[in-house]
Amino acid sequence: LQQASYPVVAPSANLTGKVPAINGEQVLA
């Protein structure tokens, strides 16, 4: 976040309605 030049938003890494990912494998799924 410090390196990015633009302001950053960051919703949870999951499709809406699914459980938020807590590790890399769940993100990829």
PDB file of all heavy atoms in Angstrom:
ATOM      1  N   LEU A   1       0.817  -1.210   0.000  1.00  0.00           N
ATOM      2  CA  LEU A   1       0.000   0.000   0.000  1.00  0.00           C
ATOM      3  C   LEU A   1       0.855   1.265   0.000  1.00  0.00           C
ATOM      4  O   LEU A   1       0.483   2.277  -0.587  1.00  0.00           O
ATOM      5  CB  LEU A   1      -0.938  -0.016   1.212  1.00  0.00           C
ATOM      6  CG  LEU A   1      -2.001  -1.126   1.182  1.00  0.00           C
ATOM      7  CD1 LEU A   1      -2.660  -1.277   2.554  1.00  0.00           C
ATOM      8  CD2 LEU A   1      -3.055  -0.844   0.109  1.00  0.00           C
ATOM      9  N   GLN A   2       2.012   1.200   0.638  1.00  0.00           N
ATOM     10  CA  GLN A   2       2.909   2.346   0.643  1.00  0.00           C
ATOM     11  C   GLN A   2       3.564   2.565  -0.714  1.00  0.00           C
ATOM     12  O   GLN A   2       3.876   3.698  -1.088  1.00  0.00           O
ATOM     13  CB  GLN A   2       3.985   2.147   1.714  1.00  0.00           C
ATOM     14  CG  GLN A   2       3.465   2.249   3.142  1.00  0.00           C
ATOM     15  CD  GLN A   2       4.489   1.834   4.175  1.00  0.00           C
ATOM     16  OE1 GLN A   2       5.697   1.978   3.953  1.00  0.00           O
ATOM     17  NE2 GLN A   2       4.049   1.297   5.304  1.00  0.00           N
ATOM     18  N   GLN A   3       3.766   1.503  -1.459  1.00  0.00           N
ATOM     19  CA  GLN A   3       4.429   1.607  -2.765  1.00  0.00           C
ATOM     20  C   GLN A   3       3.477   2.094  -3.856  1.00  0.00           C
ATOM     21  O   GLN A   3       3.915   2.717  -4.829  1.00  0.00           O
ATOM     22  CB  GLN A   3       4.992   0.233  -3.167  1.00  0.00           C
ATOM     23  CG  GLN A   3       6.195  -0.215  -2.363  1.00  0.00           C
ATOM     24  CD  GLN A   3       7.473   0.465  -2.829  1.00  0.00           C
ATOM     25  OE1 GLN A   3       7.555   0.986  -3.922  1.00  0.00           O
ATOM     26  NE2 GLN A   3       8.481   0.455  -1.965  1.00  0.00           N
ATOM     27  N   ALA A   4       2.190   1.836  -3.709  1.00  0.00           N
ATOM     28  CA  ALA A   4       1.233   2.214  -4.753  1.00  0.00           C
ATOM     29  C   ALA A   4       1.102   3.736  -4.829  1.00  0.00           C
ATOM     30  O   ALA A   4       1.055   4.422  -3.810  1.00  0.00           O
ATOM     31  CB  ALA A   4      -0.122   1.583  -4.478  1.00  0.00           C
ATOM     32  N   SER A   5       1.025   4.253  -6.038  1.00  0.00           N
ATOM     33  CA  SER A   5       0.922   5.701  -6.232  1.00  0.00           C
ATOM     34  C   SER A   5      -0.513   6.195  -6.094  1.00  0.00           C
ATOM     35  O   SER A   5      -0.747   7.327  -5.666  1.00  0.00           O
ATOM     36  CB  SER A   5       1.449   6.080  -7.622  1.00  0.00           C
ATOM     37  OG  SER A   5       2.808   5.715  -7.762  1.00  0.00           O
ATOM     38  N   TYR A   6      -1.475   5.368  -6.477  1.00  0.00           N
ATOM     39  CA  TYR A   6      -2.883   5.736  -6.385  1.00  0.00           C
ATOM     40  C   TYR A   6      -3.451   5.285  -5.036  1.00  0.00           C
ATOM     41  O   TYR A   6      -2.962   4.332  -4.428  1.00  0.00           O
ATOM     42  CB  TYR A   6      -3.697   5.052  -7.490  1.00  0.00           C
ATOM     43  CG  TYR A   6      -3.540   5.661  -8.857  1.00  0.00           C
ATOM     44  CD1 TYR A   6      -2.599   5.164  -9.750  1.00  0.00           C
ATOM     45  CD2 TYR A   6      -4.341   6.725  -9.272  1.00  0.00           C
ATOM     46  CE1 TYR A   6      -2.446   5.710 -11.024  1.00  0.00           C
ATOM     47  CE2 TYR A   6      -4.202   7.267 -10.544  1.00  0.00           C
ATOM     48  CZ  TYR A   6      -3.262   6.761 -11.414  1.00  0.00           C
ATOM     49  OH  TYR A   6      -3.124   7.300 -12.662  1.00  0.00           O
ATOM     50  N   PRO A   7      -4.510   5.947  -4.559  1.00  0.00           N
ATOM     51  CA  PRO A   7      -5.253   5.389  -3.433  1.00  0.00           C
ATOM     52  C   PRO A   7      -5.763   3.998  -3.807  1.00  0.00           C
ATOM     53  O   PRO A   7      -6.098   3.745  -4.974  1.00  0.00           O
ATOM     54  CB  PRO A   7      -6.411   6.369  -3.246  1.00  0.00           C
ATOM     55  CG  PRO A   7      -5.950   7.639  -3.883  1.00  0.00           C
ATOM     56  CD  PRO A   7      -5.071   7.225  -5.024  1.00  0.00           C
ATOM     57  N   VAL A   8      -5.809   3.097  -2.837  1.00  0.00           N
ATOM     58  CA  VAL A   8      -6.150   1.697  -3.107  1.00  0.00           C
ATOM     59  C   VAL A   8      -7.361   1.279  -2.283  1.00  0.00           C
ATOM     60  O   VAL A   8      -7.422   1.522  -1.083  1.00  0.00           O
ATOM     61  CB  VAL A   8      -4.954   0.781  -2.765  1.00  0.00           C
ATOM     62  CG1 VAL A   8      -5.348  -0.695  -2.848  1.00  0.00           C
ATOM     63  CG2 VAL A   8      -3.781   1.069  -3.695  1.00  0.00           C
ATOM     64  N   VAL A   9      -8.316   0.641  -2.960  1.00  0.00           N
ATOM     65  CA  VAL A   9      -9.411  -0.034  -2.266  1.00  0.00           C
ATOM     66  C   VAL A   9      -9.103  -1.527  -2.294  1.00  0.00           C
ATOM     67  O   VAL A   9      -8.345  -1.995  -3.151  1.00  0.00           O
ATOM     68  CB  VAL A   9     -10.782   0.250  -2.904  1.00  0.00           C
ATOM     69  CG1 VAL A   9     -11.061   1.742  -2.926  1.00  0.00           C
ATOM     70  CG2 VAL A   9     -10.876  -0.331  -4.314  1.00  0.00           C
ATOM     71  N   ALA A  10      -9.680  -2.269  -1.356  1.00  0.00           N
ATOM     72  CA  ALA A  10      -9.321  -3.685  -1.288  1.00  0.00           C
ATOM     73  C   ALA A  10     -10.417  -4.504  -0.612  1.00  0.00           C
ATOM     74  O   ALA A  10     -10.319  -4.844   0.571  1.00  0.00           O
ATOM     75  CB  ALA A  10      -7.996  -3.874  -0.546  1.00  0.00           C
ATOM     76  N   PRO A  11     -11.486  -4.847  -1.354  1.00  0.00           N
ATOM     77  CA  PRO A  11     -12.476  -5.752  -0.790  1.00  0.00           C
ATOM     78  C   PRO A  11     -11.880  -7.152  -0.644  1.00  0.00           C
ATOM     79  O   PRO A  11     -10.807  -7.439  -1.173  1.00  0.00           O
ATOM     80  CB  PRO A  11     -13.593  -5.731  -1.840  1.00  0.00           C
ATOM     81  CG  PRO A  11     -12.880  -5.418  -3.120  1.00  0.00           C
ATOM     82  CD  PRO A  11     -11.768  -4.474  -2.740  1.00  0.00           C
ATOM     83  N   SER A  12     -12.549  -8.000   0.086  1.00  0.00           N
ATOM     84  CA  SER A  12     -12.037  -9.350   0.313  1.00  0.00           C
ATOM     85  C   SER A  12     -11.893 -10.115  -0.995  1.00  0.00           C
ATOM     86  O   SER A  12     -12.653  -9.911  -1.954  1.00  0.00           O
ATOM     87  CB  SER A  12     -12.948 -10.105   1.276  1.00  0.00           C
ATOM     88  OG  SER A  12     -14.285 -10.121   0.786  1.00  0.00           O
ATOM     89  N   ALA A  13     -10.906 -11.006  -1.041  1.00  0.00           N
ATOM     90  CA  ALA A  13     -10.566 -11.736  -2.272  1.00  0.00           C
ATOM     91  C   ALA A  13     -11.450 -12.967  -2.425  1.00  0.00           C
ATOM     92  O   ALA A  13     -11.030 -14.105  -2.221  1.00  0.00           O
ATOM     93  CB  ALA A  13      -9.093 -12.130  -2.253  1.00  0.00           C
ATOM     94  N   ASN A  14     -12.688 -12.710  -2.794  1.00  0.00           N
ATOM     95  CA  ASN A  14     -13.652 -13.784  -3.032  1.00  0.00           C
ATOM     96  C   ASN A  14     -14.781 -13.232  -3.888  1.00  0.00           C
ATOM     97  O   ASN A  14     -14.961 -12.009  -3.990  1.00  0.00           O
ATOM     98  CB  ASN A  14     -14.215 -14.312  -1.708  1.00  0.00           C
ATOM     99  CG  ASN A  14     -14.916 -13.220  -0.912  1.00  0.00           C
ATOM    100  OD1 ASN A  14     -14.265 -12.368  -0.312  1.00  0.00           O
ATOM    101  ND2 ASN A  14     -16.246 -13.226  -0.930  1.00  0.00           N
ATOM    102  N   LEU A  15     -15.524 -14.111  -4.500  1.00  0.00           N
ATOM    103  CA  LEU A  15     -16.712 -13.683  -5.224  1.00  0.00           C
ATOM    104  C   LEU A  15     -17.809 -13.374  -4.219  1.00  0.00           C
ATOM    105  O   LEU A  15     -17.881 -13.977  -3.145  1.00  0.00           O
ATOM    106  CB  LEU A  15     -17.166 -14.787  -6.187  1.00  0.00           C
ATOM    107  CG  LEU A  15     -16.127 -15.208  -7.233  1.00  0.00           C
ATOM    108  CD1 LEU A  15     -16.691 -16.329  -8.120  1.00  0.00           C
ATOM    109  CD2 LEU A  15     -15.699 -14.015  -8.085  1.00  0.00           C
ATOM    110  N   THR A  16     -18.661 -12.407  -4.558  1.00  0.00           N
ATOM    111  CA  THR A  16     -19.732 -12.014  -3.650  1.00  0.00           C
ATOM    112  C   THR A  16     -20.591 -13.221  -3.284  1.00  0.00           C
ATOM    113  O   THR A  16     -20.990 -14.011  -4.139  1.00  0.00           O
ATOM    114  CB  THR A  16     -20.602 -10.929  -4.300  1.00  0.00           C
ATOM    115  OG1 THR A  16     -19.791  -9.772  -4.530  1.00  0.00           O
ATOM    116  CG2 THR A  16     -21.763 -10.540  -3.394  1.00  0.00           C
ATOM    117  N   GLY A  17     -20.836 -13.366  -1.980  1.00  0.00           N
ATOM    118  CA  GLY A  17     -21.639 -14.483  -1.506  1.00  0.00           C
ATOM    119  C   GLY A  17     -20.818 -15.661  -1.028  1.00  0.00           C
ATOM    120  O   GLY A  17     -21.344 -16.556  -0.355  1.00  0.00           O
ATOM    121  N   LYS A  18     -19.543 -15.686  -1.375  1.00  0.00           N
ATOM    122  CA  LYS A  18     -18.674 -16.770  -0.933  1.00  0.00           C
ATOM    123  C   LYS A  18     -17.848 -16.332   0.274  1.00  0.00           C
ATOM    124  O   LYS A  18     -17.707 -15.154   0.570  1.00  0.00           O
ATOM    125  CB  LYS A  18     -17.755 -17.213  -2.069  1.00  0.00           C
ATOM    126  CG  LYS A  18     -18.493 -17.877  -3.222  1.00  0.00           C
ATOM    127  CD  LYS A  18     -17.537 -18.645  -4.119  1.00  0.00           C
ATOM    128  CE  LYS A  18     -18.294 -19.432  -5.175  1.00  0.00           C
ATOM    129  NZ  LYS A  18     -17.375 -20.267  -5.995  1.00  0.00           N
ATOM    130  N   VAL A  19     -17.284 -17.300   0.984  1.00  0.00           N
ATOM    131  CA  VAL A  19     -16.508 -17.029   2.182  1.00  0.00           C
ATOM    132  C   VAL A  19     -15.198 -16.342   1.797  1.00  0.00           C
ATOM    133  O   VAL A  19     -14.525 -16.764   0.850  1.00  0.00           O
ATOM    134  CB  VAL A  19     -16.217 -18.344   2.948  1.00  0.00           C
ATOM    135  CG1 VAL A  19     -15.329 -18.064   4.160  1.00  0.00           C
ATOM    136  CG2 VAL A  19     -17.523 -19.006   3.378  1.00  0.00           C
ATOM    137  N   PRO A  20     -14.799 -15.255   2.509  1.00  0.00           N
ATOM    138  CA  PRO A  20     -13.521 -14.584   2.205  1.00  0.00           C
ATOM    139  C   PRO A  20     -12.337 -15.541   2.312  1.00  0.00           C
ATOM    140  O   PRO A  20     -12.295 -16.394   3.203  1.00  0.00           O
ATOM    141  CB  PRO A  20     -13.449 -13.484   3.266  1.00  0.00           C
ATOM    142  CG  PRO A  20     -14.870 -13.212   3.631  1.00  0.00           C
ATOM    143  CD  PRO A  20     -15.556 -14.542   3.554  1.00  0.00           C
ATOM    144  N   ALA A  21     -11.386 -15.392   1.413  1.00  0.00           N
ATOM    145  CA  ALA A  21     -10.202 -16.261   1.382  1.00  0.00           C
ATOM    146  C   ALA A  21      -9.258 -15.911   2.527  1.00  0.00           C
ATOM    147  O   ALA A  21      -9.001 -14.738   2.801  1.00  0.00           O
ATOM    148  CB  ALA A  21      -9.483 -16.112   0.053  1.00  0.00           C
ATOM    149  N   ILE A  22      -8.714 -16.943   3.178  1.00  0.00           N
ATOM    150  CA  ILE A  22      -7.763 -16.723   4.267  1.00  0.00           C
ATOM    151  C   ILE A  22      -6.374 -17.266   3.926  1.00  0.00           C
ATOM    152  O   ILE A  22      -5.463 -17.212   4.745  1.00  0.00           O
ATOM    153  CB  ILE A  22      -8.272 -17.342   5.586  1.00  0.00           C
ATOM    154  CG1 ILE A  22      -8.456 -18.852   5.431  1.00  0.00           C
ATOM    155  CG2 ILE A  22      -9.558 -16.666   6.032  1.00  0.00           C
ATOM    156  CD1 ILE A  22      -8.776 -19.561   6.735  1.00  0.00           C
ATOM    157  N   ASN A  23      -6.200 -17.790   2.686  1.00  0.00           N
ATOM    158  CA  ASN A  23      -4.877 -18.223   2.222  1.00  0.00           C
ATOM    159  C   ASN A  23      -4.851 -18.162   0.696  1.00  0.00           C
ATOM    160  O   ASN A  23      -5.889 -17.954   0.045  1.00  0.00           O
ATOM    161  CB  ASN A  23      -4.532 -19.635   2.729  1.00  0.00           C
ATOM    162  CG  ASN A  23      -5.574 -20.663   2.340  1.00  0.00           C
ATOM    163  OD1 ASN A  23      -5.981 -20.742   1.174  1.00  0.00           O
ATOM    164  ND2 ASN A  23      -6.023 -21.467   3.303  1.00  0.00           N
ATOM    165  N   GLY A  24      -3.674 -18.349   0.131  1.00  0.00           N
ATOM    166  CA  GLY A  24      -3.508 -18.225  -1.309  1.00  0.00           C
ATOM    167  C   GLY A  24      -4.310 -19.242  -2.104  1.00  0.00           C
ATOM    168  O   GLY A  24      -4.853 -18.930  -3.170  1.00  0.00           O
ATOM    169  N   GLU A  25      -4.406 -20.455  -1.598  1.00  0.00           N
ATOM    170  CA  GLU A  25      -5.141 -21.503  -2.305  1.00  0.00           C
ATOM    171  C   GLU A  25      -6.620 -21.137  -2.469  1.00  0.00           C
ATOM    172  O   GLU A  25      -7.219 -21.361  -3.526  1.00  0.00           O
ATOM    173  CB  GLU A  25      -5.020 -22.838  -1.561  1.00  0.00           C
ATOM    174  CG  GLU A  25      -3.633 -23.462  -1.589  1.00  0.00           C
ATOM    175  CD  GLU A  25      -2.649 -22.774  -0.656  1.00  0.00           C
ATOM    176  OE1 GLU A  25      -3.089 -21.985   0.214  1.00  0.00           O
ATOM    177  OE2 GLU A  25      -1.433 -23.006  -0.808  1.00  0.00           O
ATOM    178  N   GLN A  26      -7.209 -20.556  -1.435  1.00  0.00           N
ATOM    179  CA  GLN A  26      -8.613 -20.158  -1.520  1.00  0.00           C
ATOM    180  C   GLN A  26      -8.815 -18.994  -2.479  1.00  0.00           C
ATOM    181  O   GLN A  26      -9.837 -18.912  -3.161  1.00  0.00           O
ATOM    182  CB  GLN A  26      -9.144 -19.809  -0.128  1.00  0.00           C
ATOM    183  CG  GLN A  26      -9.250 -21.007   0.806  1.00  0.00           C
ATOM    184  CD  GLN A  26      -9.776 -20.633   2.177  1.00  0.00           C
ATOM    185  OE1 GLN A  26     -10.167 -19.490   2.431  1.00  0.00           O
ATOM    186  NE2 GLN A  26      -9.786 -21.602   3.091  1.00  0.00           N
ATOM    187  N   VAL A  27      -7.835 -18.105  -2.552  1.00  0.00           N
ATOM    188  CA  VAL A  27      -7.911 -17.020  -3.531  1.00  0.00           C
ATOM    189  C   VAL A  27      -7.964 -17.587  -4.939  1.00  0.00           C
ATOM    190  O   VAL A  27      -8.813 -17.213  -5.763  1.00  0.00           O
ATOM    191  CB  VAL A  27      -6.706 -16.064  -3.399  1.00  0.00           C
ATOM    192  CG1 VAL A  27      -6.720 -15.034  -4.541  1.00  0.00           C
ATOM    193  CG2 VAL A  27      -6.716 -15.352  -2.056  1.00  0.00           C
ATOM    194  N   LEU A  28      -7.066 -18.519  -5.246  1.00  0.00           N
ATOM    195  CA  LEU A  28      -7.011 -19.110  -6.584  1.00  0.00           C
ATOM    196  C   LEU A  28      -8.274 -19.888  -6.921  1.00  0.00           C
ATOM    197  O   LEU A  28      -8.706 -19.920  -8.078  1.00  0.00           O
ATOM    198  CB  LEU A  28      -5.788 -20.025  -6.694  1.00  0.00           C
ATOM    199  CG  LEU A  28      -4.419 -19.321  -6.671  1.00  0.00           C
ATOM    200  CD1 LEU A  28      -3.300 -20.343  -6.745  1.00  0.00           C
ATOM    201  CD2 LEU A  28      -4.317 -18.322  -7.821  1.00  0.00           C
ATOM    202  N   ALA A  29      -8.873 -20.517  -5.926  1.00  0.00           N
ATOM    203  CA  ALA A  29     -10.085 -21.296  -6.172  1.00  0.00           C
ATOM    204  C   ALA A  29     -11.202 -20.422  -6.731  1.00  0.00           C
ATOM    205  O   ALA A  29     -11.995 -20.867  -7.560  1.00  0.00           O
ATOM    206  CB  ALA A  29     -10.538 -21.965  -4.871  1.00  0.00           C
TER     207      ALA A  29
END
